[in-house]
């Protein structure tokens, strides 16, 4: 089986990769493609929240969205380092519309399952109409595993 794991640099996309890893059979997964898509027309092309350097202060003029995407992709690929000796993990950074690039990569690489997070960046537990996950689901050439954020439980303080 060939699997594509999409990341937008959010903690939710890292959780989606870990969720896939929790139930998938390593012996049946031959190849994993970890994909990040930078958006050239967006005000902020890519934001890395998961790599070791994500919290390091940087000047905006010295930051590189492609470097941030490569760092996020490396973190998710690193989740599968000790998973299976037979599974090949590849990484790729593309530029364009996330849903279109995910679908294009799936078609070109013969992907049999796409793993994508919905409600990225943990901003909401709702699914918005027109989100990347929904667009991928509606046009994907294969099944799509959509991992939705888990609502945070509030602690109750004893009075």
N, C-alpha and C. Protein backbone atom coordinates (compact mmCIF):
# COMPACT_ATOMS: atom_id res chain seq x y z
N UNK A 1 0.83 -1.17 0.00
CA UNK A 1 0.00 0.00 0.00
C UNK A 1 0.89 1.24 0.00
N UNK A 2 0.50 2.23 -0.78
CA UNK A 2 1.18 3.51 -0.84
C UNK A 2 0.30 4.55 -0.16
N UNK A 3 0.88 5.30 0.78
CA UNK A 3 0.12 6.24 1.60
C UNK A 3 0.71 7.63 1.45
N UNK A 4 -0.16 8.64 1.35
CA UNK A 4 0.27 10.04 1.34
C UNK A 4 -0.22 10.67 2.64
N UNK A 5 0.70 11.30 3.37
CA UNK A 5 0.35 12.03 4.58
C UNK A 5 0.61 13.50 4.30
N UNK A 6 -0.46 14.30 4.34
CA UNK A 6 -0.35 15.73 4.07
C UNK A 6 -0.15 16.48 5.37
N UNK A 7 0.72 17.49 5.33
CA UNK A 7 0.93 18.34 6.50
C UNK A 7 0.87 19.80 6.12
N UNK A 8 0.33 20.59 7.02
CA UNK A 8 0.34 22.04 6.86
C UNK A 8 1.21 22.67 7.95
N UNK A 9 2.00 21.83 8.61
CA UNK A 9 2.89 22.33 9.66
C UNK A 9 2.24 22.43 11.02
N UNK A 10 0.98 22.00 11.12
CA UNK A 10 0.25 22.12 12.38
C UNK A 10 0.43 20.89 13.26
N UNK A 11 0.17 21.07 14.55
CA UNK A 11 0.22 19.94 15.47
C UNK A 11 -0.85 18.91 15.12
N UNK A 12 -1.97 19.37 14.56
CA UNK A 12 -3.04 18.46 14.18
C UNK A 12 -2.58 17.52 13.06
N UNK A 13 -1.78 18.00 12.13
CA UNK A 13 -1.30 17.12 11.06
C UNK A 13 -0.31 16.09 11.62
N UNK A 14 0.45 16.46 12.65
CA UNK A 14 1.32 15.49 13.32
C UNK A 14 0.49 14.44 14.04
N UNK A 15 -0.61 14.87 14.68
CA UNK A 15 -1.52 13.91 15.33
C UNK A 15 -2.16 12.97 14.30
N UNK A 16 -2.45 13.48 13.12
CA UNK A 16 -3.04 12.64 12.07
C UNK A 16 -2.06 11.55 11.66
N UNK A 17 -0.79 11.91 11.51
CA UNK A 17 0.23 10.91 11.16
C UNK A 17 0.37 9.87 12.27
N UNK A 18 0.36 10.31 13.51
CA UNK A 18 0.46 9.38 14.64
C UNK A 18 -0.77 8.49 14.73
N UNK A 19 -1.94 9.03 14.39
CA UNK A 19 -3.16 8.23 14.41
C UNK A 19 -3.07 7.13 13.35
N UNK A 20 -2.62 7.47 12.16
CA UNK A 20 -2.44 6.46 11.12
C UNK A 20 -1.47 5.38 11.58
N UNK A 21 -0.37 5.81 12.19
CA UNK A 21 0.65 4.87 12.66
C UNK A 21 0.10 3.95 13.74
N UNK A 22 -0.87 4.40 14.52
CA UNK A 22 -1.39 3.62 15.64
C UNK A 22 -2.18 2.38 15.19
N UNK A 23 -2.76 2.41 14.01
CA UNK A 23 -3.57 1.26 13.60
C UNK A 23 -3.09 0.56 12.32
N UNK A 24 -2.24 1.19 11.55
CA UNK A 24 -1.81 0.60 10.27
C UNK A 24 -0.82 -0.53 10.49
N UNK A 25 -0.86 -1.50 9.60
CA UNK A 25 0.05 -2.64 9.64
C UNK A 25 1.33 -2.28 8.88
N UNK A 26 2.47 -2.17 9.58
CA UNK A 26 3.71 -1.77 8.90
C UNK A 26 4.13 -2.73 7.78
N UNK A 27 3.74 -3.98 7.89
CA UNK A 27 4.10 -4.96 6.87
C UNK A 27 3.36 -4.75 5.56
N UNK A 28 2.23 -4.05 5.60
CA UNK A 28 1.44 -3.85 4.39
C UNK A 28 1.67 -2.49 3.74
N UNK A 29 2.34 -1.59 4.44
CA UNK A 29 2.61 -0.25 3.90
C UNK A 29 4.00 -0.26 3.28
N UNK A 30 4.05 -0.19 1.96
CA UNK A 30 5.32 -0.22 1.25
C UNK A 30 5.99 1.15 1.19
N UNK A 31 5.17 2.18 1.03
CA UNK A 31 5.73 3.51 0.82
C UNK A 31 4.84 4.57 1.46
N UNK A 32 5.47 5.56 2.09
CA UNK A 32 4.78 6.72 2.65
C UNK A 32 5.38 7.96 2.02
N UNK A 33 4.50 8.81 1.49
CA UNK A 33 4.92 10.09 0.95
C UNK A 33 4.39 11.17 1.88
N UNK A 34 5.28 11.94 2.48
CA UNK A 34 4.89 13.04 3.35
C UNK A 34 4.97 14.31 2.51
N UNK A 35 3.85 15.01 2.41
CA UNK A 35 3.73 16.15 1.49
C UNK A 35 3.32 17.41 2.24
N UNK A 36 4.02 18.50 1.96
CA UNK A 36 3.64 19.83 2.43
C UNK A 36 3.45 20.71 1.21
N UNK A 37 2.46 21.59 1.29
CA UNK A 37 2.18 22.49 0.17
C UNK A 37 2.26 23.92 0.68
N UNK A 38 3.14 24.69 0.06
CA UNK A 38 3.20 26.12 0.36
C UNK A 38 2.26 26.84 -0.59
N UNK A 39 1.65 27.90 -0.12
CA UNK A 39 0.67 28.64 -0.91
C UNK A 39 1.27 29.98 -1.30
N UNK A 40 1.70 30.15 -2.54
CA UNK A 40 2.40 31.37 -2.94
C UNK A 40 1.54 32.63 -2.88
N UNK A 41 0.23 32.52 -3.00
CA UNK A 41 -0.62 33.71 -3.01
C UNK A 41 -1.19 34.05 -1.64
N UNK A 42 -0.89 33.23 -0.63
CA UNK A 42 -1.39 33.51 0.72
C UNK A 42 -0.50 34.54 1.41
N UNK A 43 -1.06 35.23 2.38
CA UNK A 43 -0.26 36.24 3.08
C UNK A 43 0.86 35.58 3.88
N UNK A 44 0.59 34.41 4.43
CA UNK A 44 1.62 33.61 5.09
C UNK A 44 1.60 32.26 4.39
N UNK A 45 2.65 31.95 3.67
CA UNK A 45 2.68 30.78 2.80
C UNK A 45 2.68 29.46 3.53
N UNK A 46 3.39 29.37 4.66
CA UNK A 46 3.47 28.12 5.42
C UNK A 46 3.93 28.47 6.83
N UNK A 47 3.37 27.81 7.82
CA UNK A 47 3.76 28.05 9.21
C UNK A 47 4.09 26.71 9.85
N UNK A 48 5.31 26.58 10.31
CA UNK A 48 5.78 25.35 10.96
C UNK A 48 5.56 25.47 12.47
N UNK A 49 4.76 24.55 13.03
CA UNK A 49 4.51 24.53 14.47
C UNK A 49 5.09 23.29 15.14
N UNK A 50 5.71 22.38 14.38
CA UNK A 50 6.06 21.09 14.95
C UNK A 50 7.55 20.78 15.00
N UNK A 51 8.38 21.48 14.27
CA UNK A 51 9.81 21.16 14.29
C UNK A 51 10.48 21.75 15.52
N UNK A 52 11.70 21.34 15.77
CA UNK A 52 12.45 21.82 16.93
C UNK A 52 12.71 23.32 16.86
N UNK A 53 12.85 23.85 15.67
CA UNK A 53 13.13 25.28 15.49
C UNK A 53 11.87 26.12 15.37
N UNK A 54 10.69 25.50 15.52
CA UNK A 54 9.44 26.22 15.29
C UNK A 54 9.24 27.38 16.25
N UNK A 55 9.70 27.25 17.47
CA UNK A 55 9.48 28.31 18.46
C UNK A 55 10.64 29.29 18.55
N UNK A 56 11.68 29.06 17.79
CA UNK A 56 12.83 29.96 17.82
C UNK A 56 12.46 31.28 17.16
N UNK A 57 12.79 32.40 17.78
CA UNK A 57 12.46 33.69 17.17
C UNK A 57 13.26 33.92 15.89
N UNK A 58 12.59 34.43 14.85
CA UNK A 58 13.23 34.70 13.57
C UNK A 58 12.77 36.03 13.04
N UNK A 59 13.60 36.63 12.26
CA UNK A 59 13.19 37.84 11.57
C UNK A 59 12.37 37.44 10.36
N UNK A 60 11.33 38.17 10.10
CA UNK A 60 10.46 37.85 8.97
C UNK A 60 11.21 37.91 7.65
N UNK A 61 12.15 38.82 7.54
CA UNK A 61 12.89 38.95 6.29
C UNK A 61 13.84 37.78 6.06
N UNK A 62 14.24 37.11 7.13
CA UNK A 62 15.19 36.01 7.00
C UNK A 62 14.53 34.64 6.98
N UNK A 63 13.19 34.58 7.11
CA UNK A 63 12.53 33.29 7.14
C UNK A 63 12.24 32.79 5.73
N UNK A 64 12.20 31.49 5.60
CA UNK A 64 11.92 30.87 4.32
C UNK A 64 10.77 29.90 4.51
N UNK A 65 9.67 30.12 3.78
CA UNK A 65 8.52 29.24 3.90
C UNK A 65 8.85 27.83 3.42
N UNK A 66 9.68 27.73 2.41
CA UNK A 66 10.06 26.41 1.92
C UNK A 66 10.88 25.67 2.97
N UNK A 67 11.78 26.38 3.66
CA UNK A 67 12.58 25.75 4.73
C UNK A 67 11.68 25.31 5.88
N UNK A 68 10.66 26.11 6.21
CA UNK A 68 9.72 25.71 7.26
C UNK A 68 8.93 24.48 6.84
N UNK A 69 8.52 24.42 5.58
CA UNK A 69 7.79 23.26 5.09
C UNK A 69 8.67 22.02 5.11
N UNK A 70 9.92 22.16 4.72
CA UNK A 70 10.84 21.01 4.75
C UNK A 70 11.09 20.54 6.18
N UNK A 71 11.15 21.46 7.13
CA UNK A 71 11.34 21.08 8.54
C UNK A 71 10.12 20.32 9.06
N UNK A 72 8.92 20.78 8.72
CA UNK A 72 7.70 20.11 9.17
C UNK A 72 7.58 18.72 8.54
N UNK A 73 7.92 18.60 7.28
CA UNK A 73 7.87 17.31 6.59
C UNK A 73 8.87 16.34 7.22
N UNK A 74 10.04 16.85 7.59
CA UNK A 74 11.05 15.99 8.22
C UNK A 74 10.60 15.47 9.58
N UNK A 75 9.86 16.28 10.33
CA UNK A 75 9.35 15.83 11.63
C UNK A 75 8.36 14.68 11.44
N UNK A 76 7.45 14.82 10.51
CA UNK A 76 6.46 13.77 10.29
C UNK A 76 7.12 12.53 9.71
N UNK A 77 8.06 12.69 8.81
CA UNK A 77 8.79 11.53 8.27
C UNK A 77 9.57 10.84 9.38
N UNK A 78 10.08 11.60 10.33
CA UNK A 78 10.82 11.04 11.46
C UNK A 78 9.96 10.16 12.35
N UNK A 79 8.66 10.38 12.34
CA UNK A 79 7.75 9.53 13.12
C UNK A 79 7.78 8.07 12.63
N UNK A 80 8.18 7.87 11.39
CA UNK A 80 8.16 6.53 10.80
C UNK A 80 9.56 5.92 10.67
N UNK A 81 10.57 6.55 11.28
CA UNK A 81 11.94 6.04 11.20
C UNK A 81 12.08 4.63 11.76
N UNK A 82 11.47 4.38 12.88
CA UNK A 82 11.61 3.07 13.53
C UNK A 82 10.39 2.18 13.32
N UNK A 83 9.55 2.53 12.39
CA UNK A 83 8.28 1.84 12.21
C UNK A 83 8.46 0.49 11.50
N UNK A 84 9.13 0.46 10.37
CA UNK A 84 9.29 -0.76 9.60
C UNK A 84 10.51 -0.62 8.69
N UNK A 85 11.25 -1.69 8.57
CA UNK A 85 12.43 -1.67 7.70
C UNK A 85 12.03 -1.72 6.23
N UNK A 86 10.86 -2.26 5.94
CA UNK A 86 10.44 -2.41 4.55
C UNK A 86 9.70 -1.19 4.00
N UNK A 87 9.26 -0.30 4.88
CA UNK A 87 8.53 0.88 4.44
C UNK A 87 9.49 1.99 4.03
N UNK A 88 9.32 2.47 2.82
CA UNK A 88 10.14 3.56 2.30
C UNK A 88 9.40 4.87 2.55
N UNK A 89 10.05 5.84 3.18
CA UNK A 89 9.44 7.13 3.47
C UNK A 89 10.10 8.19 2.60
N UNK A 90 9.26 8.87 1.80
CA UNK A 90 9.74 9.96 0.96
C UNK A 90 9.10 11.26 1.42
N UNK A 91 9.77 12.36 1.13
CA UNK A 91 9.23 13.67 1.47
C UNK A 91 9.18 14.55 0.23
N UNK A 92 8.23 15.47 0.24
CA UNK A 92 8.12 16.38 -0.89
C UNK A 92 7.46 17.67 -0.43
N UNK A 93 7.94 18.78 -0.97
CA UNK A 93 7.32 20.09 -0.76
C UNK A 93 6.91 20.61 -2.12
N UNK A 94 5.63 20.99 -2.23
CA UNK A 94 5.12 21.53 -3.48
C UNK A 94 4.56 22.91 -3.23
N UNK A 95 4.33 23.63 -4.29
CA UNK A 95 3.77 24.98 -4.20
C UNK A 95 2.48 25.03 -5.00
N UNK A 96 1.44 25.60 -4.41
CA UNK A 96 0.16 25.72 -5.10
C UNK A 96 -1.00 25.65 -4.13
N UNK A 97 -2.15 25.30 -4.65
CA UNK A 97 -3.34 25.12 -3.83
C UNK A 97 -3.25 23.77 -3.14
N UNK A 98 -3.36 23.72 -1.80
CA UNK A 98 -3.16 22.45 -1.10
C UNK A 98 -3.99 21.28 -1.62
N UNK A 99 -5.30 21.47 -1.78
CA UNK A 99 -6.12 20.34 -2.22
C UNK A 99 -5.73 19.86 -3.62
N UNK A 100 -5.46 20.78 -4.52
CA UNK A 100 -5.07 20.40 -5.89
C UNK A 100 -3.74 19.66 -5.91
N UNK A 101 -2.79 20.14 -5.13
CA UNK A 101 -1.47 19.51 -5.11
C UNK A 101 -1.50 18.14 -4.43
N UNK A 102 -2.33 17.98 -3.41
CA UNK A 102 -2.47 16.67 -2.76
C UNK A 102 -3.06 15.67 -3.74
N UNK A 103 -4.10 16.07 -4.45
CA UNK A 103 -4.73 15.18 -5.44
C UNK A 103 -3.76 14.86 -6.57
N UNK A 104 -3.04 15.85 -7.05
CA UNK A 104 -2.07 15.64 -8.13
C UNK A 104 -0.98 14.66 -7.69
N UNK A 105 -0.46 14.84 -6.50
CA UNK A 105 0.58 13.93 -5.99
C UNK A 105 0.04 12.52 -5.82
N UNK A 106 -1.20 12.40 -5.39
CA UNK A 106 -1.81 11.08 -5.23
C UNK A 106 -1.95 10.36 -6.56
N UNK A 107 -2.35 11.08 -7.58
CA UNK A 107 -2.51 10.47 -8.90
C UNK A 107 -1.17 10.08 -9.51
N UNK A 108 -0.19 10.95 -9.41
CA UNK A 108 1.12 10.70 -10.01
C UNK A 108 1.85 9.55 -9.32
N UNK A 109 1.73 9.48 -7.99
CA UNK A 109 2.49 8.49 -7.22
C UNK A 109 1.75 7.19 -6.98
N UNK A 110 0.55 7.05 -7.48
CA UNK A 110 -0.20 5.81 -7.29
C UNK A 110 -0.57 5.57 -5.83
N UNK A 111 -1.00 6.61 -5.16
CA UNK A 111 -1.34 6.55 -3.74
C UNK A 111 -2.64 5.78 -3.56
N UNK A 112 -2.70 4.95 -2.50
CA UNK A 112 -3.88 4.16 -2.21
C UNK A 112 -4.65 4.65 -0.98
N UNK A 113 -4.04 5.56 -0.20
CA UNK A 113 -4.70 6.16 0.96
C UNK A 113 -4.08 7.52 1.22
N UNK A 114 -4.94 8.52 1.44
CA UNK A 114 -4.48 9.86 1.80
C UNK A 114 -4.87 10.11 3.25
N UNK A 115 -3.91 10.59 4.04
CA UNK A 115 -4.16 10.95 5.43
C UNK A 115 -4.03 12.46 5.53
N UNK A 116 -5.11 13.11 6.00
CA UNK A 116 -5.12 14.57 6.10
C UNK A 116 -5.84 14.97 7.38
N UNK A 117 -5.40 16.06 7.98
CA UNK A 117 -6.05 16.58 9.18
C UNK A 117 -7.09 17.61 8.77
N UNK A 118 -8.15 17.68 9.54
CA UNK A 118 -9.18 18.67 9.30
C UNK A 118 -9.25 19.58 10.51
N UNK A 119 -9.54 20.84 10.29
CA UNK A 119 -9.56 21.79 11.39
C UNK A 119 -8.15 22.11 11.83
N UNK A 120 -7.28 22.33 10.88
CA UNK A 120 -5.86 22.53 11.16
C UNK A 120 -5.62 23.68 12.11
N UNK A 121 -4.46 23.66 12.71
CA UNK A 121 -4.00 24.65 13.67
C UNK A 121 -4.79 24.62 14.97
N UNK A 122 -5.71 23.67 15.12
CA UNK A 122 -6.42 23.53 16.38
C UNK A 122 -7.33 24.70 16.71
N UNK A 123 -7.71 25.49 15.71
CA UNK A 123 -8.53 26.67 15.98
C UNK A 123 -9.96 26.31 16.32
N UNK A 124 -10.44 25.21 15.79
CA UNK A 124 -11.84 24.88 15.97
C UNK A 124 -12.04 23.37 15.91
N UNK A 125 -13.11 22.89 16.49
CA UNK A 125 -13.45 21.48 16.35
C UNK A 125 -14.54 21.29 15.30
N UNK A 126 -14.87 22.34 14.59
CA UNK A 126 -15.86 22.28 13.52
C UNK A 126 -15.15 22.06 12.18
N UNK A 127 -15.88 21.55 11.22
CA UNK A 127 -15.36 21.38 9.87
C UNK A 127 -16.02 22.43 9.00
N UNK A 128 -15.21 23.25 8.37
CA UNK A 128 -15.74 24.32 7.54
C UNK A 128 -16.01 23.82 6.13
N UNK A 129 -17.08 24.32 5.52
CA UNK A 129 -17.36 23.99 4.13
C UNK A 129 -16.27 24.61 3.28
N UNK A 130 -15.72 23.82 2.39
CA UNK A 130 -14.66 24.31 1.52
C UNK A 130 -13.28 24.11 2.09
N UNK A 131 -13.16 23.40 3.19
CA UNK A 131 -11.84 23.17 3.76
C UNK A 131 -11.04 22.22 2.87
N UNK A 132 -9.74 22.22 3.05
CA UNK A 132 -8.87 21.36 2.25
C UNK A 132 -9.28 19.90 2.38
N UNK A 133 -9.58 19.45 3.58
CA UNK A 133 -9.96 18.05 3.79
C UNK A 133 -11.19 17.68 2.99
N UNK A 134 -12.19 18.55 2.98
CA UNK A 134 -13.40 18.24 2.23
C UNK A 134 -13.15 18.25 0.73
N UNK A 135 -12.34 19.16 0.25
CA UNK A 135 -12.02 19.19 -1.18
C UNK A 135 -11.26 17.95 -1.59
N UNK A 136 -10.34 17.51 -0.74
CA UNK A 136 -9.57 16.30 -1.05
C UNK A 136 -10.50 15.10 -1.06
N UNK A 137 -11.40 15.02 -0.08
CA UNK A 137 -12.33 13.90 -0.01
C UNK A 137 -13.21 13.81 -1.26
N UNK A 138 -13.65 14.93 -1.76
CA UNK A 138 -14.59 14.91 -2.88
C UNK A 138 -13.95 14.58 -4.21
N UNK A 139 -12.62 14.78 -4.35
CA UNK A 139 -12.00 14.56 -5.66
C UNK A 139 -10.84 13.56 -5.63
N UNK A 140 -10.59 12.93 -4.50
CA UNK A 140 -9.46 12.01 -4.39
C UNK A 140 -9.66 10.75 -5.22
N UNK A 141 -8.57 10.23 -5.78
CA UNK A 141 -8.66 9.00 -6.56
C UNK A 141 -8.60 7.74 -5.69
N UNK A 142 -8.60 7.92 -4.36
CA UNK A 142 -8.47 6.80 -3.42
C UNK A 142 -9.16 7.19 -2.11
N UNK A 143 -9.24 6.26 -1.15
CA UNK A 143 -9.84 6.61 0.15
C UNK A 143 -9.02 7.67 0.88
N UNK A 144 -9.73 8.46 1.70
CA UNK A 144 -9.11 9.54 2.46
C UNK A 144 -9.43 9.35 3.94
N UNK A 145 -8.39 9.32 4.76
CA UNK A 145 -8.56 9.27 6.21
C UNK A 145 -8.47 10.70 6.72
N UNK A 146 -9.57 11.23 7.22
CA UNK A 146 -9.60 12.58 7.75
C UNK A 146 -9.58 12.50 9.26
N UNK A 147 -8.55 13.04 9.87
CA UNK A 147 -8.43 13.04 11.32
C UNK A 147 -8.88 14.41 11.81
N UNK A 148 -9.92 14.40 12.59
CA UNK A 148 -10.49 15.65 13.09
C UNK A 148 -9.93 15.96 14.47
N UNK A 149 -9.84 17.25 14.81
CA UNK A 149 -9.31 17.60 16.13
C UNK A 149 -10.24 17.15 17.24
N UNK A 150 -9.64 16.80 18.35
CA UNK A 150 -10.40 16.41 19.52
C UNK A 150 -10.62 17.66 20.37
N UNK A 151 -11.87 17.93 20.72
CA UNK A 151 -12.10 19.12 21.56
C UNK A 151 -11.36 19.01 22.88
N UNK A 152 -10.80 20.10 23.31
CA UNK A 152 -10.06 20.11 24.56
C UNK A 152 -11.02 20.05 25.73
N UNK A 153 -10.66 19.24 26.71
CA UNK A 153 -11.46 19.14 27.92
C UNK A 153 -10.99 20.20 28.90
N UNK A 154 -11.91 20.93 29.44
CA UNK A 154 -11.55 21.94 30.43
C UNK A 154 -11.45 21.30 31.81
N UNK A 155 -10.45 21.71 32.51
CA UNK A 155 -10.29 21.21 33.88
C UNK A 155 -11.26 21.92 34.81
N UNK A 156 -11.80 21.15 35.69
CA UNK A 156 -12.67 21.75 36.70
C UNK A 156 -11.85 21.99 37.94
N UNK A 157 -11.96 23.17 38.44
CA UNK A 157 -11.25 23.51 39.67
C UNK A 157 -12.17 23.27 40.85
N UNK A 158 -11.58 22.76 41.90
CA UNK A 158 -12.37 22.52 43.11
C UNK A 158 -12.50 23.82 43.87
N UNK A 159 -13.70 24.09 44.26
CA UNK A 159 -13.96 25.34 44.98
C UNK A 159 -14.09 25.10 46.47
